[in-house]
């Protein structure tokens, strides 16, 4: 039963990113001076999910370990994307993102094949990973083009 607690808390923390992003959008549009609150809260949630996923990988002994592995893989991919869109908008980070995305995709497929319960979690991560990768491909194709 304790194994399910790690997965449940991780899932709820991941879902908390959605309403937090709506608040972040509100701050960015209407109260830009308060946007740092969103950034701090998002960093805390991402760090919490990352740490809890590592604890889940270490402590879970059943097949549910693969769910924690897929959460960890998605958080690493999300972190690389966030670093690219944030302070490190450099061309070599495209290659790093593609490499991390490929590893994460393989881990998602392994998790889907090995887990009986909660298969929807790695499936959702796979879909989100594909969407994020298509976004990065679009940015990569637009890199250096004059769109004016």
C-alpha atoms as a PDB file:
ATOM      1  CA  UNK A   1       0.000   0.000   0.000  1.00  0.00           C
ATOM      2  CA  UNK A   2       2.913   2.329   0.683  1.00  0.00           C
ATOM      3  CA  UNK A   3       4.060   1.866  -2.904  1.00  0.00           C
ATOM      4  CA  UNK A   4       0.819   3.380  -4.165  1.00  0.00           C
ATOM      5  CA  UNK A   5       1.341   6.412  -1.954  1.00  0.00           C
ATOM      6  CA  UNK A   6       4.506   7.439  -3.827  1.00  0.00           C
ATOM      7  CA  UNK A   7       2.776   7.124  -7.186  1.00  0.00           C
ATOM      8  CA  UNK A   8      -0.363   8.931  -6.005  1.00  0.00           C
ATOM      9  CA  UNK A   9       1.544  11.853  -4.497  1.00  0.00           C
ATOM     10  CA  UNK A  10       3.736  12.117  -7.600  1.00  0.00           C
ATOM     11  CA  UNK A  11       0.691  12.107  -9.866  1.00  0.00           C
ATOM     12  CA  UNK A  12      -1.060  14.776  -7.814  1.00  0.00           C
ATOM     13  CA  UNK A  13       2.052  16.956  -7.800  1.00  0.00           C
ATOM     14  CA  UNK A  14       2.318  16.592 -11.575  1.00  0.00           C
ATOM     15  CA  UNK A  15      -1.335  17.570 -11.938  1.00  0.00           C
ATOM     16  CA  UNK A  16      -0.689  20.615  -9.748  1.00  0.00           C
ATOM     17  CA  UNK A  17       1.504  22.000 -12.521  1.00  0.00           C
ATOM     18  CA  UNK A  18      -1.587  22.664 -14.682  1.00  0.00           C
ATOM     19  CA  UNK A  19      -3.424  25.107 -12.367  1.00  0.00           C
ATOM     20  CA  UNK A  20      -0.096  26.598 -11.325  1.00  0.00           C
ATOM     21  CA  UNK A  21       0.670  27.314 -14.981  1.00  0.00           C
ATOM     22  CA  UNK A  22      -2.661  29.117 -15.302  1.00  0.00           C
ATOM     23  CA  UNK A  23      -1.670  31.287 -12.349  1.00  0.00           C
ATOM     24  CA  UNK A  24       1.736  31.808 -13.969  1.00  0.00           C
ATOM     25  CA  UNK A  25       0.054  32.937 -17.179  1.00  0.00           C
ATOM     26  CA  UNK A  26      -2.072  35.395 -15.174  1.00  0.00           C
ATOM     27  CA  UNK A  27       1.040  36.753 -13.476  1.00  0.00           C
ATOM     28  CA  UNK A  28       2.925  37.010 -16.779  1.00  0.00           C
ATOM     29  CA  UNK A  29       0.107  38.931 -18.469  1.00  0.00           C
ATOM     30  CA  UNK A  30      -1.295  41.099 -15.691  1.00  0.00           C
ATOM     31  CA  UNK A  31       1.231  41.237 -12.844  1.00  0.00           C
ATOM     32  CA  UNK A  32       4.669  40.638 -14.294  1.00  0.00           C
ATOM     33  CA  UNK A  33       6.367  41.692 -11.064  1.00  0.00           C
ATOM     34  CA  UNK A  34       4.792  38.647  -9.353  1.00  0.00           C
ATOM     35  CA  UNK A  35       5.930  36.115 -11.960  1.00  0.00           C
ATOM     36  CA  UNK A  36       8.828  35.065  -9.709  1.00  0.00           C
ATOM     37  CA  UNK A  37       6.236  33.471  -7.390  1.00  0.00           C
ATOM     38  CA  UNK A  38       5.177  31.150 -10.200  1.00  0.00           C
ATOM     39  CA  UNK A  39       8.783  30.326 -11.030  1.00  0.00           C
ATOM     40  CA  UNK A  40       9.593  29.506  -7.397  1.00  0.00           C
ATOM     41  CA  UNK A  41       6.484  27.343  -6.934  1.00  0.00           C
ATOM     42  CA  UNK A  42       7.118  25.493 -10.197  1.00  0.00           C
ATOM     43  CA  UNK A  43      10.715  24.841  -9.156  1.00  0.00           C
ATOM     44  CA  UNK A  44       9.532  23.479  -5.810  1.00  0.00           C
ATOM     45  CA  UNK A  45       6.973  21.185  -7.445  1.00  0.00           C
ATOM     46  CA  UNK A  46       9.460  19.899 -10.041  1.00  0.00           C
ATOM     47  CA  UNK A  47      12.086  19.267  -7.361  1.00  0.00           C
ATOM     48  CA  UNK A  48       9.504  17.538  -5.160  1.00  0.00           C
ATOM     49  CA  UNK A  49       8.348  15.260  -7.969  1.00  0.00           C
ATOM     50  CA  UNK A  50      11.951  14.522  -8.932  1.00  0.00           C
ATOM     51  CA  UNK A  51      12.958  13.606  -5.357  1.00  0.00           C
ATOM     52  CA  UNK A  52       9.805  11.583  -4.746  1.00  0.00           C
ATOM     53  CA  UNK A  53      10.329   9.694  -8.013  1.00  0.00           C
ATOM     54  CA  UNK A  54      13.881   8.801  -6.986  1.00  0.00           C
ATOM     55  CA  UNK A  55      12.602   7.617  -3.603  1.00  0.00           C
ATOM     56  CA  UNK A  56       9.931   5.590  -5.401  1.00  0.00           C
ATOM     57  CA  UNK A  57      12.500   3.958  -7.681  1.00  0.00           C
ATOM     58  CA  UNK A  58      14.602   2.985  -4.677  1.00  0.00           C
ATOM     59  CA  UNK A  59      11.831   1.835  -2.322  1.00  0.00           C
ATOM     60  CA  UNK A  60       9.257   0.209  -4.607  1.00  0.00           C
ATOM     61  CA  UNK A  61       9.991  -3.475  -5.113  1.00  0.00           C
ATOM     62  CA  UNK A  62       7.127  -4.475  -7.432  1.00  0.00           C
ATOM     63  CA  UNK A  63       6.471  -3.745 -11.091  1.00  0.00           C
ATOM     64  CA  UNK A  64       5.163  -0.352 -10.024  1.00  0.00           C
ATOM     65  CA  UNK A  65       8.813   0.712  -9.925  1.00  0.00           C
ATOM     66  CA  UNK A  66       8.473   1.264 -13.681  1.00  0.00           C
ATOM     67  CA  UNK A  67       5.844   3.928 -13.070  1.00  0.00           C
ATOM     68  CA  UNK A  68       8.313   5.824 -10.879  1.00  0.00           C
ATOM     69  CA  UNK A  69      11.001   5.330 -13.526  1.00  0.00           C
ATOM     70  CA  UNK A  70       8.700   6.796 -16.178  1.00  0.00           C
ATOM     71  CA  UNK A  71       7.868   9.754 -13.902  1.00  0.00           C
ATOM     72  CA  UNK A  72      11.576  10.329 -13.351  1.00  0.00           C
ATOM     73  CA  UNK A  73      12.300  10.099 -17.094  1.00  0.00           C
ATOM     74  CA  UNK A  74       9.545  12.602 -17.865  1.00  0.00           C
ATOM     75  CA  UNK A  75      10.798  15.008 -15.208  1.00  0.00           C
ATOM     76  CA  UNK A  76      14.333  14.870 -16.623  1.00  0.00           C
ATOM     77  CA  UNK A  77      12.965  15.542 -20.108  1.00  0.00           C
ATOM     78  CA  UNK A  78      10.770  18.385 -18.784  1.00  0.00           C
ATOM     79  CA  UNK A  79      13.751  19.858 -16.925  1.00  0.00           C
ATOM     80  CA  UNK A  80      15.931  19.882 -20.043  1.00  0.00           C
ATOM     81  CA  UNK A  81      13.094  21.541 -21.964  1.00  0.00           C
ATOM     82  CA  UNK A  82      12.659  24.120 -19.201  1.00  0.00           C
ATOM     83  CA  UNK A  83      16.376  24.860 -19.167  1.00  0.00           C
ATOM     84  CA  UNK A  84      16.319  25.322 -22.939  1.00  0.00           C
ATOM     85  CA  UNK A  85      13.319  27.654 -22.812  1.00  0.00           C
ATOM     86  CA  UNK A  86      14.747  29.464 -19.807  1.00  0.00           C
ATOM     87  CA  UNK A  87      18.315  30.533 -19.206  1.00  0.00           C
ATOM     88  CA  UNK A  88      20.130  28.239 -21.653  1.00  0.00           C
ATOM     89  CA  UNK A  89      18.580  28.961 -25.043  1.00  0.00           C
ATOM     90  CA  UNK A  90      21.537  27.627 -26.985  1.00  0.00           C
ATOM     91  CA  UNK A  91      21.585  25.519 -30.126  1.00  0.00           C
ATOM     92  CA  UNK A  92      23.501  22.522 -28.634  1.00  0.00           C
ATOM     93  CA  UNK A  93      20.662  21.960 -26.155  1.00  0.00           C
ATOM     94  CA  UNK A  94      18.519  20.721 -29.064  1.00  0.00           C
ATOM     95  CA  UNK A  95      20.772  17.692 -29.345  1.00  0.00           C
ATOM     96  CA  UNK A  96      20.713  17.136 -25.585  1.00  0.00           C
ATOM     97  CA  UNK A  97      16.911  17.354 -25.580  1.00  0.00           C
ATOM     98  CA  UNK A  98      16.582  14.867 -28.455  1.00  0.00           C
ATOM     99  CA  UNK A  99      18.934  12.451 -26.688  1.00  0.00           C
ATOM    100  CA  UNK A 100      17.016  12.687 -23.384  1.00  0.00           C
ATOM    101  CA  UNK A 101      13.681  12.405 -25.222  1.00  0.00           C
ATOM    102  CA  UNK A 102      14.811   9.222 -26.980  1.00  0.00           C
ATOM    103  CA  UNK A 103      15.907   7.643 -23.699  1.00  0.00           C
ATOM    104  CA  UNK A 104      12.657   8.723 -22.029  1.00  0.00           C
ATOM    105  CA  UNK A 105      10.615   7.300 -24.909  1.00  0.00           C
ATOM    106  CA  UNK A 106      12.336   3.928 -24.567  1.00  0.00           C
ATOM    107  CA  UNK A 107      11.675   3.948 -20.812  1.00  0.00           C
ATOM    108  CA  UNK A 108       8.010   4.810 -21.395  1.00  0.00           C
ATOM    109  CA  UNK A 109       7.616   1.889 -23.788  1.00  0.00           C
ATOM    110  CA  UNK A 110       9.321  -0.445 -21.299  1.00  0.00           C
ATOM    111  CA  UNK A 111       7.042   0.810 -18.531  1.00  0.00           C
ATOM    112  CA  UNK A 112       3.949   0.248 -20.664  1.00  0.00           C
ATOM    113  CA  UNK A 113       5.020  -3.301 -21.440  1.00  0.00           C
ATOM    114  CA  UNK A 114       6.003  -4.249 -17.871  1.00  0.00           C
ATOM    115  CA  UNK A 115       3.236  -2.666 -15.776  1.00  0.00           C
ATOM    116  CA  UNK A 116      -0.230  -4.081 -15.247  1.00  0.00           C
ATOM    117  CA  UNK A 117      -1.696  -1.258 -13.137  1.00  0.00           C
ATOM    118  CA  UNK A 118      -1.521   2.450 -13.949  1.00  0.00           C
ATOM    119  CA  UNK A 119      -0.597   1.910 -17.616  1.00  0.00           C
ATOM    120  CA  UNK A 120      -2.242   5.215 -18.400  1.00  0.00           C
ATOM    121  CA  UNK A 121       0.572   7.161 -16.691  1.00  0.00           C
ATOM    122  CA  UNK A 122       3.383   6.143 -19.096  1.00  0.00           C
ATOM    123  CA  UNK A 123       0.921   6.435 -21.999  1.00  0.00           C
ATOM    124  CA  UNK A 124       0.163  10.042 -21.012  1.00  0.00           C
ATOM    125  CA  UNK A 125       3.892  10.717 -20.672  1.00  0.00           C
ATOM    126  CA  UNK A 126       4.496   9.236 -24.122  1.00  0.00           C
ATOM    127  CA  UNK A 127       1.878  11.503 -25.685  1.00  0.00           C
ATOM    128  CA  UNK A 128       3.221  14.568 -23.851  1.00  0.00           C
ATOM    129  CA  UNK A 129       6.756  13.628 -24.837  1.00  0.00           C
ATOM    130  CA  UNK A 130       5.757  13.427 -28.495  1.00  0.00           C
ATOM    131  CA  UNK A 131       4.041  16.832 -28.296  1.00  0.00           C
ATOM    132  CA  UNK A 132       7.064  18.427 -26.601  1.00  0.00           C
ATOM    133  CA  UNK A 133       9.419  16.857 -29.132  1.00  0.00           C
ATOM    134  CA  UNK A 134       7.339  18.141 -32.047  1.00  0.00           C
ATOM    135  CA  UNK A 135       7.513  21.598 -30.458  1.00  0.00           C
ATOM    136  CA  UNK A 136      11.294  21.314 -30.200  1.00  0.00           C
ATOM    137  CA  UNK A 137      11.498  20.168 -33.834  1.00  0.00           C
ATOM    138  CA  UNK A 138       9.506  23.254 -34.827  1.00  0.00           C
ATOM    139  CA  UNK A 139      11.846  25.496 -32.836  1.00  0.00           C
ATOM    140  CA  UNK A 140      14.846  23.740 -34.345  1.00  0.00           C
ATOM    141  CA  UNK A 141      13.530  24.335 -37.870  1.00  0.00           C
ATOM    142  CA  UNK A 142      12.833  27.997 -37.132  1.00  0.00           C
ATOM    143  CA  UNK A 143      16.205  28.568 -35.483  1.00  0.00           C
ATOM    144  CA  UNK A 144      18.090  31.344 -37.232  1.00  0.00           C
ATOM    145  CA  UNK A 145      15.350  32.093 -39.783  1.00  0.00           C
ATOM    146  CA  UNK A 146      14.269  35.673 -40.305  1.00  0.00           C
ATOM    147  CA  UNK A 147      10.490  35.631 -39.877  1.00  0.00           C
ATOM    148  CA  UNK A 148       9.901  39.343 -40.356  1.00  0.00           C
END
